[in-house]
Amino acid sequence: QVRLVESGGALVQPGGSLRLSCAASGDIFSPNTMGWYRQAPGKQRELVASLTSGGWPNYADSVKGRFTMSRDSAKNTGYLQMNNLKPADTAVYYCFLRWAWSSSPYWGQGTQVTVSS
């Protein structure tokens, strides 16, 4: 069984920065993809960023140039560095981990990011 624990969500002013972490534990297999979705009130969940175990990144157009995802394979932890945050980035951010051969990801519990002055 796999468990994902997110941390790092907070209230931040526009233009500020945050770093989210997603620590995975359990039986971790490669190749895999780890990433982040977010869901704002009244909106559908959307993919924010992902990074394969082989190092291939993918970002939503709305965050390109502002968000950077990285992974520490030794710690089975992924990070989402978010810079120049905007009020539109306000959402609950969910970490996921998916094996390359599976369409069913594991999910974290979510962490709230609020961008407001």
N, C-alpha and C. Protein backbone atom coordinates (compact mmCIF):
# COMPACT_ATOMS: atom_id res chain seq x y z
N GLN A 1 0.84 -1.18 0.00
CA GLN A 1 0.00 0.00 0.00
C GLN A 1 0.88 1.24 0.00
N VAL A 2 0.41 2.26 -0.72
CA VAL A 2 1.17 3.50 -0.84
C VAL A 2 0.45 4.61 -0.09
N ARG A 3 1.21 5.42 0.62
CA ARG A 3 0.66 6.57 1.33
C ARG A 3 1.39 7.82 0.88
N LEU A 4 0.62 8.87 0.59
CA LEU A 4 1.18 10.16 0.19
C LEU A 4 0.79 11.20 1.23
N VAL A 5 1.78 11.93 1.72
CA VAL A 5 1.53 12.96 2.72
C VAL A 5 2.06 14.29 2.19
N GLU A 6 1.15 15.24 2.05
CA GLU A 6 1.51 16.55 1.53
C GLU A 6 1.72 17.52 2.68
N SER A 7 2.51 18.53 2.40
CA SER A 7 2.72 19.61 3.36
C SER A 7 3.14 20.86 2.61
N GLY A 8 3.04 21.99 3.30
CA GLY A 8 3.54 23.23 2.73
C GLY A 8 2.48 24.24 2.34
N GLY A 9 1.21 23.84 2.35
CA GLY A 9 0.17 24.79 2.01
C GLY A 9 0.07 25.88 3.06
N ALA A 10 -0.31 27.08 2.62
CA ALA A 10 -0.39 28.21 3.54
C ALA A 10 -1.13 29.37 2.89
N LEU A 11 -1.30 30.41 3.65
CA LEU A 11 -1.81 31.69 3.15
C LEU A 11 -0.61 32.55 2.77
N VAL A 12 -0.62 33.06 1.55
CA VAL A 12 0.50 33.86 1.07
C VAL A 12 -0.04 35.05 0.27
N GLN A 13 0.70 36.12 0.26
CA GLN A 13 0.28 37.30 -0.49
C GLN A 13 0.60 37.12 -1.98
N PRO A 14 -0.14 37.81 -2.83
CA PRO A 14 0.18 37.77 -4.27
C PRO A 14 1.64 38.15 -4.51
N GLY A 15 2.27 37.42 -5.42
CA GLY A 15 3.68 37.62 -5.69
C GLY A 15 4.60 36.80 -4.81
N GLY A 16 4.04 36.16 -3.81
CA GLY A 16 4.85 35.37 -2.89
C GLY A 16 5.17 33.99 -3.42
N SER A 17 5.85 33.21 -2.59
CA SER A 17 6.29 31.88 -2.98
C SER A 17 5.93 30.86 -1.90
N LEU A 18 5.73 29.63 -2.33
CA LEU A 18 5.53 28.50 -1.44
C LEU A 18 6.18 27.28 -2.05
N ARG A 19 6.54 26.33 -1.19
CA ARG A 19 7.02 25.04 -1.68
C ARG A 19 6.18 23.95 -1.03
N LEU A 20 5.52 23.18 -1.89
CA LEU A 20 4.75 22.04 -1.41
C LEU A 20 5.63 20.79 -1.47
N SER A 21 5.41 19.91 -0.52
CA SER A 21 6.12 18.63 -0.49
C SER A 21 5.12 17.49 -0.51
N CYS A 22 5.52 16.38 -1.11
CA CYS A 22 4.70 15.17 -1.14
C CYS A 22 5.61 13.99 -0.85
N ALA A 23 5.45 13.43 0.35
CA ALA A 23 6.28 12.30 0.76
C ALA A 23 5.52 11.00 0.55
N ALA A 24 6.11 10.11 -0.22
CA ALA A 24 5.49 8.82 -0.51
C ALA A 24 6.14 7.73 0.34
N SER A 25 5.32 6.81 0.83
CA SER A 25 5.82 5.68 1.59
C SER A 25 5.09 4.42 1.16
N GLY A 26 5.70 3.28 1.45
CA GLY A 26 5.13 2.01 1.04
C GLY A 26 5.95 1.42 -0.09
N ASP A 27 5.31 0.56 -0.86
CA ASP A 27 5.98 -0.10 -1.99
C ASP A 27 5.95 0.82 -3.20
N ILE A 28 7.08 1.44 -3.49
CA ILE A 28 7.19 2.39 -4.59
C ILE A 28 7.86 1.71 -5.77
N PHE A 29 7.19 1.75 -6.94
CA PHE A 29 7.70 1.09 -8.14
C PHE A 29 8.04 2.13 -9.19
N SER A 30 8.97 1.78 -10.03
CA SER A 30 9.35 2.61 -11.17
C SER A 30 9.21 1.78 -12.44
N PRO A 31 8.96 2.45 -13.58
CA PRO A 31 8.81 3.89 -13.72
C PRO A 31 7.45 4.39 -13.21
N ASN A 32 7.43 5.66 -12.83
CA ASN A 32 6.20 6.23 -12.30
C ASN A 32 6.15 7.72 -12.61
N THR A 33 5.01 8.30 -12.33
CA THR A 33 4.82 9.74 -12.46
C THR A 33 4.25 10.27 -11.16
N MET A 34 4.87 11.32 -10.66
CA MET A 34 4.36 12.02 -9.49
C MET A 34 3.97 13.43 -9.92
N GLY A 35 2.94 13.93 -9.33
CA GLY A 35 2.54 15.28 -9.73
C GLY A 35 1.52 15.88 -8.79
N TRP A 36 0.96 16.98 -9.27
CA TRP A 36 0.01 17.74 -8.46
C TRP A 36 -1.20 18.15 -9.32
N TYR A 37 -2.35 17.95 -8.77
CA TYR A 37 -3.58 18.53 -9.28
C TYR A 37 -4.02 19.60 -8.27
N ARG A 38 -4.90 20.46 -8.71
CA ARG A 38 -5.50 21.41 -7.78
C ARG A 38 -6.99 21.55 -8.10
N GLN A 39 -7.72 21.92 -7.07
CA GLN A 39 -9.16 22.13 -7.23
C GLN A 39 -9.59 23.35 -6.44
N ALA A 40 -10.11 24.32 -7.18
CA ALA A 40 -10.64 25.53 -6.56
C ALA A 40 -12.13 25.35 -6.34
N PRO A 41 -12.71 26.09 -5.41
CA PRO A 41 -14.15 25.97 -5.15
C PRO A 41 -14.98 26.18 -6.41
N GLY A 42 -15.87 25.25 -6.68
CA GLY A 42 -16.75 25.36 -7.83
C GLY A 42 -16.10 25.03 -9.16
N LYS A 43 -14.86 24.56 -9.14
CA LYS A 43 -14.16 24.25 -10.38
C LYS A 43 -13.73 22.79 -10.39
N GLN A 44 -13.46 22.30 -11.60
CA GLN A 44 -12.98 20.94 -11.72
C GLN A 44 -11.52 20.84 -11.32
N ARG A 45 -11.14 19.64 -10.91
CA ARG A 45 -9.75 19.40 -10.59
C ARG A 45 -8.93 19.51 -11.87
N GLU A 46 -7.78 20.18 -11.80
CA GLU A 46 -6.93 20.35 -12.98
C GLU A 46 -5.50 19.97 -12.66
N LEU A 47 -4.83 19.42 -13.68
CA LEU A 47 -3.43 19.06 -13.54
C LEU A 47 -2.58 20.33 -13.50
N VAL A 48 -1.72 20.41 -12.51
CA VAL A 48 -0.82 21.55 -12.38
C VAL A 48 0.56 21.21 -12.92
N ALA A 49 1.13 20.12 -12.46
CA ALA A 49 2.47 19.73 -12.87
C ALA A 49 2.68 18.26 -12.58
N SER A 50 3.57 17.64 -13.35
CA SER A 50 3.96 16.27 -13.09
C SER A 50 5.40 16.07 -13.53
N LEU A 51 5.99 15.02 -12.99
CA LEU A 51 7.39 14.72 -13.30
C LEU A 51 7.56 13.21 -13.23
N THR A 52 8.03 12.64 -14.32
CA THR A 52 8.22 11.19 -14.32
C THR A 52 9.49 10.83 -13.56
N SER A 53 9.59 9.57 -13.21
CA SER A 53 10.80 9.10 -12.53
C SER A 53 12.01 9.21 -13.45
N GLY A 54 11.75 9.30 -14.75
CA GLY A 54 12.84 9.49 -15.70
C GLY A 54 13.21 10.93 -15.94
N GLY A 55 12.47 11.84 -15.29
CA GLY A 55 12.83 13.26 -15.36
C GLY A 55 12.08 14.09 -16.37
N TRP A 56 10.98 13.57 -16.93
CA TRP A 56 10.20 14.34 -17.91
C TRP A 56 9.13 15.15 -17.19
N PRO A 57 9.19 16.49 -17.34
CA PRO A 57 8.21 17.35 -16.67
C PRO A 57 7.02 17.68 -17.58
N ASN A 58 5.96 18.07 -16.95
CA ASN A 58 4.79 18.55 -17.67
C ASN A 58 4.13 19.60 -16.79
N TYR A 59 3.77 20.74 -17.40
CA TYR A 59 3.17 21.82 -16.63
C TYR A 59 1.93 22.35 -17.33
N ALA A 60 0.97 22.78 -16.55
CA ALA A 60 -0.17 23.49 -17.11
C ALA A 60 0.31 24.83 -17.64
N ASP A 61 -0.31 25.29 -18.71
CA ASP A 61 0.09 26.58 -19.30
C ASP A 61 0.02 27.71 -18.29
N SER A 62 -0.95 27.62 -17.38
CA SER A 62 -1.18 28.70 -16.42
C SER A 62 -0.06 28.84 -15.39
N VAL A 63 0.79 27.82 -15.26
CA VAL A 63 1.85 27.88 -14.25
C VAL A 63 3.25 27.83 -14.84
N LYS A 64 3.34 27.67 -16.15
CA LYS A 64 4.67 27.60 -16.78
C LYS A 64 5.45 28.88 -16.50
N GLY A 65 6.71 28.70 -16.13
CA GLY A 65 7.55 29.84 -15.81
C GLY A 65 7.45 30.29 -14.37
N ARG A 66 6.44 29.79 -13.65
CA ARG A 66 6.27 30.19 -12.25
C ARG A 66 6.44 29.01 -11.29
N PHE A 67 6.01 27.83 -11.71
CA PHE A 67 6.07 26.64 -10.86
C PHE A 67 7.14 25.70 -11.40
N THR A 68 7.83 25.05 -10.49
CA THR A 68 8.83 24.06 -10.86
C THR A 68 8.68 22.83 -9.97
N MET A 69 8.59 21.69 -10.61
CA MET A 69 8.50 20.46 -9.83
C MET A 69 9.83 19.73 -9.83
N SER A 70 10.17 19.15 -8.69
CA SER A 70 11.39 18.35 -8.57
C SER A 70 11.11 17.13 -7.72
N ARG A 71 12.03 16.19 -7.76
CA ARG A 71 11.87 14.96 -6.97
C ARG A 71 13.20 14.57 -6.36
N ASP A 72 13.10 14.00 -5.17
CA ASP A 72 14.25 13.40 -4.50
C ASP A 72 13.95 11.91 -4.40
N SER A 73 14.54 11.14 -5.30
CA SER A 73 14.22 9.72 -5.36
C SER A 73 14.65 8.97 -4.11
N ALA A 74 15.73 9.42 -3.49
CA ALA A 74 16.21 8.76 -2.28
C ALA A 74 15.21 8.89 -1.14
N LYS A 75 14.47 9.99 -1.13
CA LYS A 75 13.48 10.24 -0.08
C LYS A 75 12.06 9.93 -0.54
N ASN A 76 11.90 9.52 -1.79
CA ASN A 76 10.56 9.29 -2.36
C ASN A 76 9.66 10.51 -2.13
N THR A 77 10.22 11.66 -2.36
CA THR A 77 9.51 12.91 -2.11
C THR A 77 9.54 13.80 -3.34
N GLY A 78 8.40 14.41 -3.61
CA GLY A 78 8.30 15.38 -4.68
C GLY A 78 8.05 16.76 -4.12
N TYR A 79 8.47 17.76 -4.87
CA TYR A 79 8.34 19.14 -4.42
C TYR A 79 7.73 19.98 -5.55
N LEU A 80 6.93 20.93 -5.17
CA LEU A 80 6.39 21.89 -6.13
C LEU A 80 6.74 23.28 -5.63
N GLN A 81 7.72 23.90 -6.29
CA GLN A 81 8.11 25.26 -5.96
C GLN A 81 7.21 26.21 -6.74
N MET A 82 6.50 27.04 -6.01
CA MET A 82 5.54 27.95 -6.64
C MET A 82 5.99 29.38 -6.37
N ASN A 83 6.30 30.10 -7.43
CA ASN A 83 6.74 31.49 -7.33
C ASN A 83 5.73 32.41 -8.00
N ASN A 84 5.82 33.68 -7.65
CA ASN A 84 4.94 34.69 -8.23
C ASN A 84 3.47 34.23 -8.17
N LEU A 85 3.06 33.82 -7.00
CA LEU A 85 1.71 33.30 -6.83
C LEU A 85 0.65 34.36 -7.08
N LYS A 86 -0.47 33.90 -7.64
CA LYS A 86 -1.58 34.77 -7.98
C LYS A 86 -2.84 34.31 -7.25
N PRO A 87 -3.80 35.20 -7.06
CA PRO A 87 -5.05 34.76 -6.43
C PRO A 87 -5.70 33.58 -7.16
N ALA A 88 -5.51 33.50 -8.48
CA ALA A 88 -6.08 32.40 -9.26
C ALA A 88 -5.44 31.05 -8.91
N ASP A 89 -4.32 31.08 -8.20
CA ASP A 89 -3.67 29.83 -7.78
C ASP A 89 -4.30 29.26 -6.51
N THR A 90 -5.21 30.00 -5.91
CA THR A 90 -5.86 29.53 -4.69
C THR A 90 -6.65 28.26 -4.97
N ALA A 91 -6.35 27.21 -4.21
CA ALA A 91 -7.00 25.92 -4.42
C ALA A 91 -6.48 24.93 -3.38
N VAL A 92 -7.12 23.78 -3.34
CA VAL A 92 -6.55 22.65 -2.61
C VAL A 92 -5.67 21.89 -3.60
N TYR A 93 -4.44 21.65 -3.21
CA TYR A 93 -3.49 20.97 -4.07
C TYR A 93 -3.34 19.52 -3.62
N TYR A 94 -3.51 18.61 -4.57
CA TYR A 94 -3.45 17.18 -4.30
C TYR A 94 -2.26 16.56 -5.02
N CYS A 95 -1.48 15.84 -4.28
CA CYS A 95 -0.37 15.09 -4.85
C CYS A 95 -0.87 13.74 -5.36
N PHE A 96 -0.29 13.25 -6.45
CA PHE A 96 -0.62 11.91 -6.92
C PHE A 96 0.66 11.18 -7.32
N LEU A 97 0.55 9.87 -7.32
CA LEU A 97 1.64 9.00 -7.76
C LEU A 97 1.03 7.88 -8.55
N ARG A 98 1.53 7.66 -9.75
CA ARG A 98 0.94 6.64 -10.63
C ARG A 98 2.05 5.84 -11.28
N TRP A 99 1.88 4.53 -11.24
CA TRP A 99 2.85 3.67 -11.94
C TRP A 99 2.66 3.84 -13.43
N ALA A 100 3.71 3.62 -14.20
CA ALA A 100 3.67 3.83 -15.65
C ALA A 100 2.65 2.90 -16.33
N TRP A 101 2.43 1.73 -15.75
CA TRP A 101 1.54 0.74 -16.37
C TRP A 101 0.12 0.81 -15.84
N SER A 102 -0.17 1.80 -14.99
CA SER A 102 -1.48 1.89 -14.36
C SER A 102 -2.14 3.22 -14.68
N SER A 103 -3.45 3.20 -14.78
CA SER A 103 -4.21 4.43 -14.97
C SER A 103 -4.82 4.92 -13.66
N SER A 104 -4.58 4.20 -12.57
CA SER A 104 -5.17 4.55 -11.28
C SER A 104 -4.11 5.10 -10.34
N PRO A 105 -4.13 6.39 -10.08
CA PRO A 105 -3.11 6.96 -9.19
C PRO A 105 -3.46 6.81 -7.72
N TYR A 106 -2.46 6.93 -6.90
CA TYR A 106 -2.64 7.11 -5.46
C TYR A 106 -2.71 8.62 -5.21
N TRP A 107 -3.50 8.99 -4.19
CA TRP A 107 -3.71 10.40 -3.91
C TRP A 107 -3.34 10.76 -2.48
N GLY A 108 -2.87 11.98 -2.32
CA GLY A 108 -2.68 12.53 -0.99
C GLY A 108 -3.97 13.14 -0.50
N GLN A 109 -3.92 13.67 0.73
CA GLN A 109 -5.13 14.20 1.36
C GLN A 109 -5.44 15.63 0.95
N GLY A 110 -4.48 16.30 0.32
CA GLY A 110 -4.67 17.67 -0.12
C GLY A 110 -4.11 18.68 0.88
N THR A 111 -3.64 19.79 0.34
CA THR A 111 -3.14 20.88 1.18
C THR A 111 -3.64 22.20 0.59
N GLN A 112 -4.11 23.08 1.46
CA GLN A 112 -4.74 24.32 1.02
C GLN A 112 -3.69 25.39 0.74
N VAL A 113 -3.81 25.98 -0.44
CA VAL A 113 -2.99 27.15 -0.79
C VAL A 113 -3.94 28.31 -1.03
N THR A 114 -3.74 29.38 -0.29
CA THR A 114 -4.57 30.57 -0.44
C THR A 114 -3.67 31.76 -0.74
N VAL A 115 -3.97 32.42 -1.85
CA VAL A 115 -3.19 33.59 -2.26
C VAL A 115 -4.11 34.81 -2.15
N SER A 116 -3.81 35.63 -1.18
CA SER A 116 -4.68 36.77 -0.92
C SER A 116 -3.92 37.84 -0.15
N SER A 117 -4.30 39.09 -0.42
CA SER A 117 -3.71 40.19 0.33
C SER A 117 -4.58 40.55 1.52
